[in-house]
PDB file of all heavy atoms in Angstrom:
ATOM      1  N   ASP A   1       8.035  11.105  30.882  1.00  0.00           N
ATOM      2  CA  ASP A   1       7.519  11.797  29.695  1.00  0.00           C
ATOM      3  C   ASP A   1       7.892  11.087  28.392  1.00  0.00           C
ATOM      4  O   ASP A   1       7.622  11.599  27.309  1.00  0.00           O
ATOM      5  CB  ASP A   1       7.993  13.249  29.661  1.00  0.00           C
ATOM      6  CG  ASP A   1       9.511  13.392  29.589  1.00  0.00           C
ATOM      7  OD1 ASP A   1      10.209  12.363  29.527  1.00  0.00           O
ATOM      8  OD2 ASP A   1       9.995  14.539  29.577  1.00  0.00           O
ATOM      9  N   TYR A   2       8.487   9.894  28.491  1.00  0.00           N
ATOM     10  CA  TYR A   2       8.918   9.191  27.284  1.00  0.00           C
ATOM     11  C   TYR A   2       7.734   8.848  26.378  1.00  0.00           C
ATOM     12  O   TYR A   2       7.803   9.018  25.154  1.00  0.00           O
ATOM     13  CB  TYR A   2       9.680   7.920  27.650  1.00  0.00           C
ATOM     14  CG  TYR A   2      10.194   7.163  26.442  1.00  0.00           C
ATOM     15  CD1 TYR A   2      11.371   7.549  25.799  1.00  0.00           C
ATOM     16  CD2 TYR A   2       9.500   6.071  25.920  1.00  0.00           C
ATOM     17  CE1 TYR A   2      11.835   6.880  24.688  1.00  0.00           C
ATOM     18  CE2 TYR A   2       9.959   5.390  24.807  1.00  0.00           C
ATOM     19  CZ  TYR A   2      11.125   5.792  24.195  1.00  0.00           C
ATOM     20  OH  TYR A   2      11.573   5.123  23.087  1.00  0.00           O
ATOM     21  N   ASP A   3       6.647   8.356  26.967  1.00  0.00           N
ATOM     22  CA  ASP A   3       5.489   7.997  26.142  1.00  0.00           C
ATOM     23  C   ASP A   3       4.913   9.217  25.434  1.00  0.00           C
ATOM     24  O   ASP A   3       4.545   9.158  24.254  1.00  0.00           O
ATOM     25  CB  ASP A   3       4.416   7.326  26.995  1.00  0.00           C
ATOM     26  CG  ASP A   3       4.767   5.884  27.340  1.00  0.00           C
ATOM     27  OD1 ASP A   3       5.628   5.298  26.654  1.00  0.00           O
ATOM     28  OD2 ASP A   3       4.191   5.342  28.302  1.00  0.00           O
ATOM     29  N   ALA A   4       4.853  10.325  26.135  1.00  0.00           N
ATOM     30  CA  ALA A   4       4.284  11.545  25.538  1.00  0.00           C
ATOM     31  C   ALA A   4       5.162  12.087  24.418  1.00  0.00           C
ATOM     32  O   ALA A   4       4.654  12.602  23.411  1.00  0.00           O
ATOM     33  CB  ALA A   4       4.088  12.609  26.614  1.00  0.00           C
ATOM     34  N   THR A   5       6.486  11.963  24.580  1.00  0.00           N
ATOM     35  CA  THR A   5       7.389  12.556  23.597  1.00  0.00           C
ATOM     36  C   THR A   5       7.733  11.611  22.442  1.00  0.00           C
ATOM     37  O   THR A   5       8.224  12.064  21.411  1.00  0.00           O
ATOM     38  CB  THR A   5       8.702  12.996  24.269  1.00  0.00           C
ATOM     39  OG1 THR A   5       9.311  11.864  24.912  1.00  0.00           O
ATOM     40  CG2 THR A   5       8.422  14.090  25.292  1.00  0.00           C
ATOM     41  N   PHE A   6       7.461  10.297  22.597  1.00  0.00           N
ATOM     42  CA  PHE A   6       7.746   9.379  21.496  1.00  0.00           C
ATOM     43  C   PHE A   6       6.657   8.330  21.295  1.00  0.00           C
ATOM     44  O   PHE A   6       6.021   8.277  20.243  1.00  0.00           O
ATOM     45  CB  PHE A   6       9.087   8.675  21.693  1.00  0.00           C
ATOM     46  CG  PHE A   6       9.384   7.675  20.602  1.00  0.00           C
ATOM     47  CD1 PHE A   6       9.596   8.090  19.300  1.00  0.00           C
ATOM     48  CD2 PHE A   6       9.408   6.311  20.870  1.00  0.00           C
ATOM     49  CE1 PHE A   6       9.833   7.183  18.273  1.00  0.00           C
ATOM     50  CE2 PHE A   6       9.643   5.382  19.856  1.00  0.00           C
ATOM     51  CZ  PHE A   6       9.865   5.819  18.561  1.00  0.00           C
ATOM     52  N   THR A   7       6.407   7.493  22.299  1.00  0.00           N
ATOM     53  CA  THR A   7       5.496   6.356  22.135  1.00  0.00           C
ATOM     54  C   THR A   7       4.145   6.764  21.574  1.00  0.00           C
ATOM     55  O   THR A   7       3.618   6.113  20.661  1.00  0.00           O
ATOM     56  CB  THR A   7       5.296   5.637  23.482  1.00  0.00           C
ATOM     57  OG1 THR A   7       6.571   5.228  23.985  1.00  0.00           O
ATOM     58  CG2 THR A   7       4.404   4.417  23.320  1.00  0.00           C
ATOM     59  N   ASP A   8       3.557   7.810  22.118  1.00  0.00           N
ATOM     60  CA  ASP A   8       2.196   8.205  21.742  1.00  0.00           C
ATOM     61  C   ASP A   8       2.144   9.185  20.576  1.00  0.00           C
ATOM     62  O   ASP A   8       1.052   9.614  20.196  1.00  0.00           O
ATOM     63  CB  ASP A   8       1.481   8.813  22.954  1.00  0.00           C
ATOM     64  CG  ASP A   8       1.322   7.809  24.086  1.00  0.00           C
ATOM     65  OD1 ASP A   8       1.268   6.601  23.795  1.00  0.00           O
ATOM     66  OD2 ASP A   8       1.266   8.238  25.257  1.00  0.00           O
ATOM     67  N   THR A   9       3.283   9.537  20.014  1.00  0.00           N
ATOM     68  CA  THR A   9       3.272  10.416  18.846  1.00  0.00           C
ATOM     69  C   THR A   9       2.919   9.612  17.602  1.00  0.00           C
ATOM     70  O   THR A   9       3.066   8.383  17.565  1.00  0.00           O
ATOM     71  CB  THR A   9       4.640  11.085  18.635  1.00  0.00           C
ATOM     72  OG1 THR A   9       5.621  10.078  18.316  1.00  0.00           O
ATOM     73  CG2 THR A   9       5.072  11.844  19.880  1.00  0.00           C
ATOM     74  N   LEU A  10       2.475  10.306  16.573  1.00  0.00           N
ATOM     75  CA  LEU A  10       2.135   9.645  15.320  1.00  0.00           C
ATOM     76  C   LEU A  10       3.353   8.938  14.745  1.00  0.00           C
ATOM     77  O   LEU A  10       3.277   7.775  14.313  1.00  0.00           O
ATOM     78  CB  LEU A  10       1.606  10.679  14.324  1.00  0.00           C
ATOM     79  CG  LEU A  10       1.025  10.163  13.008  1.00  0.00           C
ATOM     80  CD1 LEU A  10      -0.131   9.206  13.256  1.00  0.00           C
ATOM     81  CD2 LEU A  10       0.572  11.333  12.137  1.00  0.00           C
ATOM     82  N   LEU A  11       4.505   9.607  14.757  1.00  0.00           N
ATOM     83  CA  LEU A  11       5.733   9.006  14.249  1.00  0.00           C
ATOM     84  C   LEU A  11       6.114   7.777  15.066  1.00  0.00           C
ATOM     85  O   LEU A  11       6.475   6.734  14.498  1.00  0.00           O
ATOM     86  CB  LEU A  11       6.865  10.032  14.292  1.00  0.00           C
ATOM     87  CG  LEU A  11       8.257   9.527  13.901  1.00  0.00           C
ATOM     88  CD1 LEU A  11       8.271   9.008  12.462  1.00  0.00           C
ATOM     89  CD2 LEU A  11       9.295  10.626  14.086  1.00  0.00           C
ATOM     90  N   GLY A  12       6.041   7.874  16.376  1.00  0.00           N
ATOM     91  CA  GLY A  12       6.382   6.749  17.233  1.00  0.00           C
ATOM     92  C   GLY A  12       5.517   5.535  16.963  1.00  0.00           C
ATOM     93  O   GLY A  12       6.016   4.396  16.905  1.00  0.00           O
ATOM     94  N   ARG A  13       4.219   5.747  16.761  1.00  0.00           N
ATOM     95  CA  ARG A  13       3.312   4.626  16.485  1.00  0.00           C
ATOM     96  C   ARG A  13       3.633   3.986  15.145  1.00  0.00           C
ATOM     97  O   ARG A  13       3.636   2.755  15.008  1.00  0.00           O
ATOM     98  CB  ARG A  13       1.853   5.112  16.519  1.00  0.00           C
ATOM     99  CG  ARG A  13       1.387   5.528  17.908  1.00  0.00           C
ATOM    100  CD  ARG A  13      -0.136   5.600  17.974  1.00  0.00           C
ATOM    101  NE  ARG A  13      -0.697   6.564  17.030  1.00  0.00           N
ATOM    102  CZ  ARG A  13      -0.903   7.844  17.307  1.00  0.00           C
ATOM    103  NH1 ARG A  13      -0.572   8.332  18.501  1.00  0.00           N
ATOM    104  NH2 ARG A  13      -1.442   8.658  16.410  1.00  0.00           N
ATOM    105  N   TRP A  14       3.895   4.803  14.129  1.00  0.00           N
ATOM    106  CA  TRP A  14       4.221   4.254  12.814  1.00  0.00           C
ATOM    107  C   TRP A  14       5.499   3.418  12.860  1.00  0.00           C
ATOM    108  O   TRP A  14       5.547   2.310  12.340  1.00  0.00           O
ATOM    109  CB  TRP A  14       4.380   5.386  11.805  1.00  0.00           C
ATOM    110  CG  TRP A  14       3.095   5.941  11.294  1.00  0.00           C
ATOM    111  CD1 TRP A  14       1.875   5.328  11.300  1.00  0.00           C
ATOM    112  CD2 TRP A  14       2.896   7.224  10.692  1.00  0.00           C
ATOM    113  NE1 TRP A  14       0.924   6.146  10.736  1.00  0.00           N
ATOM    114  CE2 TRP A  14       1.525   7.308  10.350  1.00  0.00           C
ATOM    115  CE3 TRP A  14       3.739   8.290  10.412  1.00  0.00           C
ATOM    116  CZ2 TRP A  14       0.981   8.433   9.735  1.00  0.00           C
ATOM    117  CZ3 TRP A  14       3.199   9.414   9.792  1.00  0.00           C
ATOM    118  CH2 TRP A  14       1.840   9.488   9.461  1.00  0.00           C
ATOM    119  N   LEU A  15       6.544   3.963  13.484  1.00  0.00           N
ATOM    120  CA  LEU A  15       7.823   3.249  13.528  1.00  0.00           C
ATOM    121  C   LEU A  15       7.695   1.939  14.306  1.00  0.00           C
ATOM    122  O   LEU A  15       8.230   0.896  13.903  1.00  0.00           O
ATOM    123  CB  LEU A  15       8.899   4.133  14.155  1.00  0.00           C
ATOM    124  CG  LEU A  15       9.333   5.335  13.325  1.00  0.00           C
ATOM    125  CD1 LEU A  15      10.271   6.236  14.133  1.00  0.00           C
ATOM    126  CD2 LEU A  15      10.020   4.898  12.035  1.00  0.00           C
ATOM    127  N   ARG A  16       6.983   1.980  15.428  1.00  0.00           N
ATOM    128  CA  ARG A  16       6.820   0.762  16.217  1.00  0.00           C
ATOM    129  C   ARG A  16       6.020  -0.292  15.454  1.00  0.00           C
ATOM    130  O   ARG A  16       6.316  -1.489  15.531  1.00  0.00           O
ATOM    131  CB  ARG A  16       6.146   1.091  17.555  1.00  0.00           C
ATOM    132  CG  ARG A  16       6.478   0.082  18.654  1.00  0.00           C
ATOM    133  CD  ARG A  16       5.832   0.490  19.972  1.00  0.00           C
ATOM    134  NE  ARG A  16       6.410   1.673  20.570  1.00  0.00           N
ATOM    135  CZ  ARG A  16       7.473   1.661  21.363  1.00  0.00           C
ATOM    136  NH1 ARG A  16       8.076   0.511  21.641  1.00  0.00           N
ATOM    137  NH2 ARG A  16       7.933   2.785  21.890  1.00  0.00           N
ATOM    138  N   ASP A  17       5.011   0.132  14.709  1.00  0.00           N
ATOM    139  CA  ASP A  17       4.229  -0.816  13.910  1.00  0.00           C
ATOM    140  C   ASP A  17       5.091  -1.491  12.841  1.00  0.00           C
ATOM    141  O   ASP A  17       4.953  -2.695  12.585  1.00  0.00           O
ATOM    142  CB  ASP A  17       3.050  -0.113  13.244  1.00  0.00           C
ATOM    143  CG  ASP A  17       1.923   0.209  14.213  1.00  0.00           C
ATOM    144  OD1 ASP A  17       1.932  -0.336  15.343  1.00  0.00           O
ATOM    145  OD2 ASP A  17       1.042   1.021  13.860  1.00  0.00           O
ATOM    146  N   ILE A  18       5.967  -0.713  12.190  1.00  0.00           N
ATOM    147  CA  ILE A  18       6.840  -1.280  11.165  1.00  0.00           C
ATOM    148  C   ILE A  18       7.759  -2.333  11.762  1.00  0.00           C
ATOM    149  O   ILE A  18       7.995  -3.397  11.168  1.00  0.00           O
ATOM    150  CB  ILE A  18       7.656  -0.167  10.468  1.00  0.00           C
ATOM    151  CG1 ILE A  18       6.723   0.743   9.662  1.00  0.00           C
ATOM    152  CG2 ILE A  18       8.722  -0.763   9.547  1.00  0.00           C
ATOM    153  CD1 ILE A  18       7.400   1.997   9.121  1.00  0.00           C
ATOM    154  N   VAL A  19       8.261  -2.078  12.958  1.00  0.00           N
ATOM    155  CA  VAL A  19       9.099  -3.064  13.644  1.00  0.00           C
ATOM    156  C   VAL A  19       8.294  -4.316  13.967  1.00  0.00           C
ATOM    157  O   VAL A  19       8.707  -5.450  13.666  1.00  0.00           O
ATOM    158  CB  VAL A  19       9.695  -2.464  14.935  1.00  0.00           C
ATOM    159  CG1 VAL A  19      10.384  -3.559  15.760  1.00  0.00           C
ATOM    160  CG2 VAL A  19      10.676  -1.354  14.608  1.00  0.00           C
ATOM    161  N   ARG A  20       7.141  -4.136  14.568  1.00  0.00           N
ATOM    162  CA  ARG A  20       6.347  -5.272  15.050  1.00  0.00           C
ATOM    163  C   ARG A  20       5.910  -6.204  13.935  1.00  0.00           C
ATOM    164  O   ARG A  20       5.784  -7.417  14.153  1.00  0.00           O
ATOM    165  CB  ARG A  20       5.129  -4.755  15.817  1.00  0.00           C
ATOM    166  CG  ARG A  20       5.497  -4.141  17.160  1.00  0.00           C
ATOM    167  CD  ARG A  20       4.290  -3.519  17.842  1.00  0.00           C
ATOM    168  NE  ARG A  20       4.624  -3.016  19.170  1.00  0.00           N
ATOM    169  CZ  ARG A  20       3.765  -2.378  19.958  1.00  0.00           C
ATOM    170  NH1 ARG A  20       2.516  -2.155  19.536  1.00  0.00           N
ATOM    171  NH2 ARG A  20       4.144  -1.967  21.157  1.00  0.00           N
ATOM    172  N   GLU A  21       5.680  -5.672  12.761  1.00  0.00           N
ATOM    173  CA  GLU A  21       5.269  -6.507  11.627  1.00  0.00           C
ATOM    174  C   GLU A  21       6.332  -7.534  11.259  1.00  0.00           C
ATOM    175  O   GLU A  21       6.045  -8.510  10.562  1.00  0.00           O
ATOM    176  CB  GLU A  21       4.961  -5.622  10.414  1.00  0.00           C
ATOM    177  CG  GLU A  21       3.690  -4.790  10.561  1.00  0.00           C
ATOM    178  CD  GLU A  21       3.540  -3.759   9.462  1.00  0.00           C
ATOM    179  OE1 GLU A  21       4.415  -3.737   8.553  1.00  0.00           O
ATOM    180  OE2 GLU A  21       2.583  -2.978   9.501  1.00  0.00           O
ATOM    181  N   ARG A  22       7.560  -7.334  11.733  1.00  0.00           N
ATOM    182  CA  ARG A  22       8.681  -8.183  11.321  1.00  0.00           C
ATOM    183  C   ARG A  22       9.295  -8.984  12.473  1.00  0.00           C
ATOM    184  O   ARG A  22      10.342  -9.597  12.303  1.00  0.00           O
ATOM    185  CB  ARG A  22       9.744  -7.305  10.636  1.00  0.00           C
ATOM    186  CG  ARG A  22       9.225  -6.764   9.315  1.00  0.00           C
ATOM    187  CD  ARG A  22       9.989  -5.565   8.799  1.00  0.00           C
ATOM    188  NE  ARG A  22       9.472  -5.175   7.490  1.00  0.00           N
ATOM    189  CZ  ARG A  22       8.376  -4.451   7.301  1.00  0.00           C
ATOM    190  NH1 ARG A  22       7.705  -3.993   8.338  1.00  0.00           N
ATOM    191  NH2 ARG A  22       7.948  -4.157   6.080  1.00  0.00           N
ATOM    192  N   ILE A  23       8.648  -8.990  13.626  1.00  0.00           N
ATOM    193  CA  ILE A  23       9.142  -9.752  14.773  1.00  0.00           C
ATOM    194  C   ILE A  23       8.553 -11.160  14.722  1.00  0.00           C
ATOM    195  O   ILE A  23       7.330 -11.324  14.736  1.00  0.00           O
ATOM    196  CB  ILE A  23       8.764  -9.070  16.097  1.00  0.00           C
ATOM    197  CG1 ILE A  23       9.300  -7.642  16.131  1.00  0.00           C
ATOM    198  CG2 ILE A  23       9.292  -9.878  17.290  1.00  0.00           C
ATOM    199  CD1 ILE A  23      10.793  -7.541  15.960  1.00  0.00           C
ATOM    200  N   PRO A  24       9.377 -12.221  14.687  1.00  0.00           N
ATOM    201  CA  PRO A  24       8.868 -13.590  14.494  1.00  0.00           C
ATOM    202  C   PRO A  24       8.413 -14.265  15.779  1.00  0.00           C
ATOM    203  O   PRO A  24       8.607 -15.466  15.984  1.00  0.00           O
ATOM    204  CB  PRO A  24      10.085 -14.310  13.897  1.00  0.00           C
ATOM    205  CG  PRO A  24      11.259 -13.624  14.514  1.00  0.00           C
ATOM    206  CD  PRO A  24      10.860 -12.169  14.643  1.00  0.00           C
ATOM    207  N   VAL A  25       7.759 -13.528  16.668  1.00  0.00           N
ATOM    208  CA  VAL A  25       7.319 -14.101  17.939  1.00  0.00           C
ATOM    209  C   VAL A  25       6.154 -15.066  17.727  1.00  0.00           C
ATOM    210  O   VAL A  25       5.296 -14.849  16.867  1.00  0.00           O
ATOM    211  CB  VAL A  25       6.918 -12.974  18.920  1.00  0.00           C
ATOM    212  CG1 VAL A  25       5.766 -12.138  18.381  1.00  0.00           C
ATOM    213  CG2 VAL A  25       6.600 -13.538  20.298  1.00  0.00           C
ATOM    214  N   GLN A  26       6.166 -16.135  18.511  1.00  0.00           N
ATOM    215  CA  GLN A  26       5.102 -17.128  18.473  1.00  0.00           C
ATOM    216  C   GLN A  26       4.520 -17.287  19.874  1.00  0.00           C
ATOM    217  O   GLN A  26       5.207 -17.081  20.877  1.00  0.00           O
ATOM    218  CB  GLN A  26       5.642 -18.484  17.996  1.00  0.00           C
ATOM    219  CG  GLN A  26       6.231 -18.472  16.601  1.00  0.00           C
ATOM    220  CD  GLN A  26       5.180 -18.267  15.521  1.00  0.00           C
ATOM    221  OE1 GLN A  26       4.054 -18.761  15.632  1.00  0.00           O
ATOM    222  NE2 GLN A  26       5.538 -17.538  14.469  1.00  0.00           N
ATOM    223  N   ALA A  27       3.245 -17.657  19.936  1.00  0.00           N
ATOM    224  CA  ALA A  27       2.620 -17.914  21.232  1.00  0.00           C
ATOM    225  C   ALA A  27       3.408 -18.994  21.969  1.00  0.00           C
ATOM    226  O   ALA A  27       3.796 -20.001  21.381  1.00  0.00           O
ATOM    227  CB  ALA A  27       1.173 -18.355  21.034  1.00  0.00           C
TER     228      ALA A  27
END
């Protein structure tokens, strides 16, 4: 139930997006 209670919530998506914008991963 982790995705339902956090990953797929509006708050979870916003927080994850903020993190991802700052990850210096390269192909």
